[in-house]
Amino acid sequence: MGRVTSRTRAVRVEVAAQGPAQHRDRVETLAVEAPMQVRVDGEPLSVTMRTPGDDFDLTIGFLLSEGVITGAQDVRTLMHCQDEDESGSPTFNVVDVALADGVARPGAASARRTVTSSACGVCGTASIDAVRTTGRYDVAADPVRVDPQVVAALPDALRAQQKVFERTGAVHAAGLFTADGEVLCVREDVGRHNAVDKVLGWAAREGRLPLTGHLLAVSSRAGFELVQKAYVAGVPVLAAVSAPTSLAVDLAADTGLTLLGFVRPPRLTVYAGAHRVAGPPGVSGTGQ
């Protein structure tokens, strides 16, 4: 596995209210951003910029989100290709996937032949309508209800697991929780969608799909692609530290997923699926 952090020399500039600014040489820790290519049965499918580590979970989660597979059982083998850098050292930046017998190979229309950035999630998908049809689970029928106090505590529980962020301040995190707030899995990455794919890939490899009754928390905004990934894995509740986008709210409402934004103690905002958020006795949730 490649390194998740690196060190570089930098200059810290302290700006004073009066007098000249102070310059100090220092060594900074950076989050590593490196390309990873996914090959399916020998054919390149995607290249994404990610933080090295949990590459197999990332690959499974990505293939799940793209509708290439329905679970880990659809993958016969996956392994790092022994590619090398200019010095001859292995980079572990290519993952070869062999699909199980009977699993349809992805067509050319689904392949992401170009590099996607660490900020990109839905890039390369043929159409939004195609993304909406990738779900296999009836998320709307999930009866789970969540306590607002439990949800409000998720960002702190997520932050406590963010070891790379603690050192670099440059990565996102995603975490899978039970309805009672128990931490099951947390992953970090420079890409928020990669962090989610790593969590969902872990869940798939653990045989936990669909993720009925679970909560997915993210340390970022909730874009359309994160709602789509949660929906595909059967997650009924997605909680984001920052705001959702309009398309994310639309998709959550369409699929019956509960979408929470600005989850920062002591409050949160429910954008869809408010019926799952418990209120005072005798008061029902309102909204979409």
Protein backbone atom coordinates (compact mmCIF):
# COMPACT_ATOMS: atom_id res chain seq x y z
CA MET A 1 0.00 0.00 0.00
CA GLY A 2 1.25 3.49 -0.79
CA ARG A 3 1.80 6.17 1.80
CA VAL A 4 -1.21 8.17 2.98
CA THR A 5 0.87 11.21 4.00
CA SER A 6 4.05 12.92 2.86
CA ARG A 7 6.26 15.71 4.19
CA THR A 8 7.24 18.95 2.51
CA ARG A 9 9.08 22.13 3.43
CA ALA A 10 6.95 25.27 3.65
CA VAL A 11 7.06 28.82 4.98
CA ARG A 12 4.61 29.89 7.69
CA VAL A 13 3.82 33.61 7.45
CA GLU A 14 2.51 35.27 10.62
CA VAL A 15 0.73 38.52 9.80
CA ALA A 16 0.96 41.07 12.59
CA ALA A 17 -1.48 43.92 13.23
CA GLN A 18 1.51 46.26 13.13
CA GLY A 19 5.01 45.79 11.81
CA PRO A 20 6.38 43.36 9.22
CA ALA A 21 5.08 39.82 8.75
CA GLN A 22 7.15 37.03 10.29
CA HIS A 23 8.41 34.18 8.07
CA ARG A 24 9.31 30.79 9.54
CA ASP A 25 10.55 27.72 7.73
CA ARG A 26 8.76 24.55 8.77
CA VAL A 27 7.96 21.02 7.64
CA GLU A 28 4.31 20.31 6.82
CA THR A 29 2.47 16.99 6.56
CA LEU A 30 0.37 16.57 3.42
CA ALA A 31 -2.33 14.07 2.47
CA VAL A 32 -1.19 11.97 -0.48
CA GLU A 33 -3.29 12.22 -3.64
CA ALA A 34 -2.50 9.55 -6.23
CA PRO A 35 -4.29 8.04 -9.22
CA MET A 36 -5.88 4.60 -9.04
CA GLN A 37 -7.03 2.80 -12.15
CA VAL A 38 -9.69 0.10 -12.03
CA ARG A 39 -9.48 -2.58 -14.71
CA VAL A 40 -12.34 -5.01 -15.16
CA ASP A 41 -11.44 -8.26 -16.90
CA GLY A 42 -8.39 -6.57 -18.37
CA GLU A 43 -10.21 -3.49 -19.67
CA PRO A 44 -9.65 -0.03 -18.10
CA LEU A 45 -12.86 1.24 -16.52
CA SER A 46 -11.93 4.26 -14.40
CA VAL A 47 -9.11 6.35 -13.03
CA THR A 48 -9.77 8.33 -9.87
CA MET A 49 -7.57 10.46 -7.66
CA ARG A 50 -7.60 9.01 -4.15
CA THR A 51 -5.70 8.66 -0.90
CA PRO A 52 -3.93 5.26 -1.00
CA GLY A 53 -5.31 2.64 1.35
CA ASP A 54 -8.42 0.44 1.43
CA ASP A 55 -8.14 0.23 -2.35
CA PHE A 56 -10.09 -3.01 -2.58
CA ASP A 57 -12.97 -1.52 -0.56
CA LEU A 58 -12.82 1.55 -2.80
CA THR A 59 -12.98 -0.63 -5.90
CA ILE A 60 -15.90 -2.72 -4.67
CA GLY A 61 -17.78 0.38 -3.54
CA PHE A 62 -17.18 2.09 -6.86
CA LEU A 63 -18.35 -0.91 -8.89
CA LEU A 64 -21.41 -1.20 -6.65
CA SER A 65 -22.26 2.50 -7.05
CA GLU A 66 -21.83 2.29 -10.82
CA GLY A 67 -24.17 -0.69 -11.07
CA VAL A 68 -21.45 -2.98 -12.41
CA ILE A 69 -21.96 -5.39 -9.50
CA THR A 70 -24.71 -5.97 -6.94
CA GLY A 71 -22.39 -7.15 -4.18
CA ALA A 72 -18.98 -8.60 -3.41
CA GLN A 73 -20.16 -12.01 -4.61
CA ASP A 74 -20.08 -10.66 -8.18
CA VAL A 75 -16.28 -10.31 -7.99
CA ARG A 76 -14.21 -13.45 -8.46
CA THR A 77 -10.83 -11.91 -7.71
CA LEU A 78 -9.24 -8.50 -7.30
CA MET A 79 -5.57 -7.69 -6.90
CA HIS A 80 -3.08 -4.90 -7.23
CA CYS A 81 -1.21 -4.91 -10.50
CA GLN A 82 2.52 -4.73 -9.84
CA ASP A 83 3.08 -1.44 -11.63
CA GLU A 84 6.26 0.49 -10.83
CA ASP A 85 7.30 4.12 -10.65
CA GLU A 86 10.38 5.63 -12.26
CA SER A 87 12.61 4.32 -9.47
CA GLY A 88 11.33 0.78 -9.89
CA SER A 89 9.30 0.80 -6.67
CA PRO A 90 5.76 -0.65 -6.71
CA THR A 91 3.02 1.98 -6.71
CA PHE A 92 -0.08 -0.18 -6.10
CA ASN A 93 -2.03 2.26 -8.26
CA VAL A 94 -3.83 -0.28 -10.47
CA VAL A 95 -6.50 -2.72 -9.26
CA ASP A 96 -7.37 -5.64 -11.54
CA VAL A 97 -10.87 -7.04 -11.11
CA ALA A 98 -12.14 -10.34 -12.46
CA LEU A 99 -15.91 -10.59 -12.41
CA ALA A 100 -17.63 -13.80 -11.41
CA ASP A 101 -19.08 -16.08 -14.06
CA GLY A 102 -22.42 -14.84 -15.33
CA VAL A 103 -21.88 -11.20 -14.33
CA ALA A 104 -22.32 -8.86 -17.29
CA ARG A 105 -19.23 -6.91 -18.24
CA PRO A 106 -19.59 -3.12 -18.23
CA GLY A 107 -20.17 -1.66 -21.65
CA ALA A 108 -18.22 1.15 -23.22
CA ALA A 109 -20.90 3.66 -22.25
CA SER A 110 -20.23 3.07 -18.55
CA ALA A 111 -16.47 3.30 -18.74
CA ARG A 112 -14.76 6.38 -17.38
CA ARG A 113 -11.87 6.54 -19.81
CA THR A 114 -10.48 9.80 -18.46
CA VAL A 115 -9.05 10.81 -15.13
CA THR A 116 -11.59 12.05 -12.57
CA SER A 117 -10.53 14.39 -9.82
CA SER A 118 -10.80 13.66 -6.12
CA ALA A 119 -13.74 16.09 -6.00
CA CYS A 120 -15.67 14.29 -8.72
CA GLY A 121 -18.39 11.77 -8.13
CA VAL A 122 -20.92 11.45 -10.92
CA CYS A 123 -18.50 12.57 -13.67
CA GLY A 124 -18.69 10.25 -16.67
CA THR A 125 -22.07 8.77 -15.83
CA ALA A 126 -24.13 8.62 -19.00
CA SER A 127 -27.14 10.40 -17.51
CA ILE A 128 -28.84 11.28 -14.25
CA ASP A 129 -31.76 9.10 -15.24
CA ALA A 130 -29.44 6.11 -15.50
CA VAL A 131 -28.09 6.81 -12.01
CA ARG A 132 -31.60 6.87 -10.56
CA THR A 133 -32.21 3.30 -11.76
CA THR A 134 -29.20 1.65 -10.10
CA GLY A 135 -30.92 1.01 -6.77
CA ARG A 136 -32.04 -2.55 -5.92
CA TYR A 137 -33.41 -1.98 -2.42
CA ASP A 138 -36.67 -0.43 -1.22
CA VAL A 139 -35.16 2.30 0.93
CA ALA A 140 -38.52 4.03 1.28
CA ALA A 141 -39.89 1.00 3.15
CA ASP A 142 -37.14 1.03 5.77
CA PRO A 143 -38.91 1.60 9.12
CA VAL A 144 -35.90 2.87 11.05
CA ARG A 145 -36.31 5.98 13.19
CA VAL A 146 -33.40 7.99 14.56
CA ASP A 147 -32.95 10.06 17.69
CA PRO A 148 -31.86 13.65 16.87
CA GLN A 149 -29.38 13.52 19.76
CA VAL A 150 -27.76 10.43 18.24
CA VAL A 151 -27.54 12.08 14.83
CA ALA A 152 -26.14 15.31 16.27
CA ALA A 153 -23.34 13.33 17.91
CA LEU A 154 -22.22 11.69 14.64
CA PRO A 155 -19.81 14.44 13.51
CA ASP A 156 -17.84 14.22 16.76
CA ALA A 157 -17.79 10.41 16.55
CA LEU A 158 -16.58 10.69 12.95
CA ARG A 159 -13.97 13.31 13.83
CA ALA A 160 -12.53 11.09 16.56
CA GLN A 161 -11.68 8.49 13.88
CA GLN A 162 -10.08 10.90 11.40
CA LYS A 163 -6.40 10.16 11.96
CA VAL A 164 -5.20 11.43 8.58
CA PHE A 165 -7.25 14.63 8.88
CA GLU A 166 -5.69 15.21 12.29
CA ARG A 167 -2.25 15.23 10.66
CA THR A 168 -3.06 17.01 7.39
CA GLY A 169 -6.44 18.78 7.55
CA ALA A 170 -6.93 17.75 3.92
CA VAL A 171 -9.19 14.70 3.74
CA HIS A 172 -12.88 13.89 3.98
CA ALA A 173 -14.38 11.09 6.01
CA ALA A 174 -17.41 8.83 5.78
CA GLY A 175 -18.71 6.62 8.54
CA LEU A 176 -21.27 3.85 8.85
CA PHE A 177 -23.27 3.78 12.08
CA THR A 178 -26.06 1.80 13.64
CA ALA A 179 -29.28 3.60 14.48
CA ASP A 180 -28.01 3.80 18.07
CA GLY A 181 -24.85 5.63 16.98
CA GLU A 182 -22.41 2.72 17.18
CA VAL A 183 -19.43 3.20 14.84
CA LEU A 184 -19.06 0.30 12.42
CA CYS A 185 -16.61 1.64 9.83
CA VAL A 186 -14.88 4.96 9.10
CA ARG A 187 -12.77 5.70 6.04
CA GLU A 188 -10.84 8.81 4.95
CA ASP A 189 -9.92 10.06 1.49
CA VAL A 190 -9.15 13.24 -0.40
CA GLY A 191 -12.36 12.57 -2.32
CA ARG A 192 -15.62 12.59 -0.40
CA HIS A 193 -17.14 10.12 -2.86
CA ASN A 194 -14.08 7.86 -2.46
CA ALA A 195 -14.51 7.85 1.32
CA VAL A 196 -18.12 6.74 0.87
CA ASP A 197 -17.13 4.08 -1.67
CA LYS A 198 -14.56 2.72 0.78
CA VAL A 199 -17.21 2.40 3.50
CA LEU A 200 -19.77 0.80 1.19
CA GLY A 201 -17.13 -1.51 -0.27
CA TRP A 202 -16.24 -2.63 3.25
CA ALA A 203 -19.91 -3.30 3.97
CA ALA A 204 -20.27 -5.29 0.76
CA ARG A 205 -17.19 -7.38 1.49
CA GLU A 206 -18.53 -8.02 4.99
CA GLY A 207 -21.81 -9.28 3.54
CA ARG A 208 -23.86 -6.51 5.17
CA LEU A 209 -25.86 -5.32 2.16
CA PRO A 210 -28.49 -3.99 2.14
CA LEU A 211 -27.65 -1.53 4.90
CA THR A 212 -31.17 -1.47 6.30
CA GLY A 213 -31.49 0.50 9.53
CA HIS A 214 -28.06 2.13 9.23
CA LEU A 215 -26.86 5.73 9.07
CA LEU A 216 -24.15 7.07 6.79
CA ALA A 217 -22.37 10.23 7.98
CA VAL A 218 -20.06 12.37 5.85
CA SER A 219 -17.77 15.24 6.77
CA SER A 220 -18.66 17.18 3.64
CA ARG A 221 -21.59 18.55 1.73
CA ALA A 222 -24.18 16.06 0.52
CA GLY A 223 -24.07 16.11 -3.26
CA PHE A 224 -26.22 14.07 -5.61
CA GLU A 225 -23.59 11.35 -5.97
CA LEU A 226 -23.46 10.68 -2.22
CA VAL A 227 -27.23 10.24 -2.03
CA GLN A 228 -27.04 7.93 -5.04
CA LYS A 229 -24.33 5.81 -3.42
CA ALA A 230 -26.28 5.56 -0.16
CA TYR A 231 -29.42 4.58 -2.06
CA VAL A 232 -27.67 1.86 -4.05
CA ALA A 233 -26.39 0.29 -0.81
CA GLY A 234 -29.80 0.47 0.87
CA VAL A 235 -28.86 3.15 3.42
CA PRO A 236 -32.01 4.90 4.72
CA VAL A 237 -30.36 7.90 6.44
CA LEU A 238 -27.56 10.16 5.18
CA ALA A 239 -26.21 12.86 7.52
CA ALA A 240 -23.84 15.56 6.27
CA VAL A 241 -21.89 18.15 8.22
CA SER A 242 -22.47 20.70 5.46
CA ALA A 243 -25.32 21.55 3.09
CA PRO A 244 -26.96 19.32 0.51
CA THR A 245 -27.45 20.34 -3.11
CA SER A 246 -30.85 20.76 -4.75
CA LEU A 247 -30.42 17.61 -6.83
CA ALA A 248 -29.42 15.63 -3.74
CA VAL A 249 -32.63 16.70 -2.00
CA ASP A 250 -34.69 15.79 -5.06
CA LEU A 251 -33.13 12.33 -5.30
CA ALA A 252 -33.53 11.68 -1.57
CA ALA A 253 -37.21 12.62 -1.76
CA ASP A 254 -37.74 10.48 -4.88
CA THR A 255 -36.14 7.40 -3.33
CA GLY A 256 -37.48 7.70 0.21
CA LEU A 257 -34.12 8.39 1.78
CA THR A 258 -33.80 10.66 4.82
CA LEU A 259 -31.31 13.46 4.13
CA LEU A 260 -29.91 15.59 6.93
CA GLY A 261 -27.62 18.58 6.49
CA PHE A 262 -25.76 21.03 8.71
CA VAL A 263 -25.48 18.31 11.34
CA ARG A 264 -23.58 20.29 13.93
CA PRO A 265 -24.49 20.14 17.61
CA PRO A 266 -26.87 21.34 18.88
CA ARG A 267 -28.95 21.33 15.69
CA LEU A 268 -29.49 19.74 12.30
CA THR A 269 -31.72 20.35 9.28
CA VAL A 270 -33.94 17.69 7.73
CA TYR A 271 -34.29 18.11 3.96
CA ALA A 272 -36.12 14.86 3.12
CA GLY A 273 -37.63 11.96 5.02
CA ALA A 274 -38.44 13.82 8.24
CA HIS A 275 -40.76 11.00 9.33
CA ARG A 276 -37.68 9.02 10.42
CA VAL A 277 -36.44 11.74 12.79
CA ALA A 278 -38.05 11.27 16.20
CA GLY A 279 -39.70 14.32 17.74
CA PRO A 280 -41.27 15.08 21.13
CA PRO A 281 -44.03 12.67 22.27
CA GLY A 282 -47.14 13.20 20.21
CA VAL A 283 -45.32 15.15 17.50
CA SER A 284 -44.76 13.52 14.11
CA GLY A 285 -41.99 14.42 11.67
CA THR A 286 -42.99 16.61 8.80
CA GLY A 287 -41.60 17.24 5.38
CA GLN A 288 -40.86 15.08 2.37
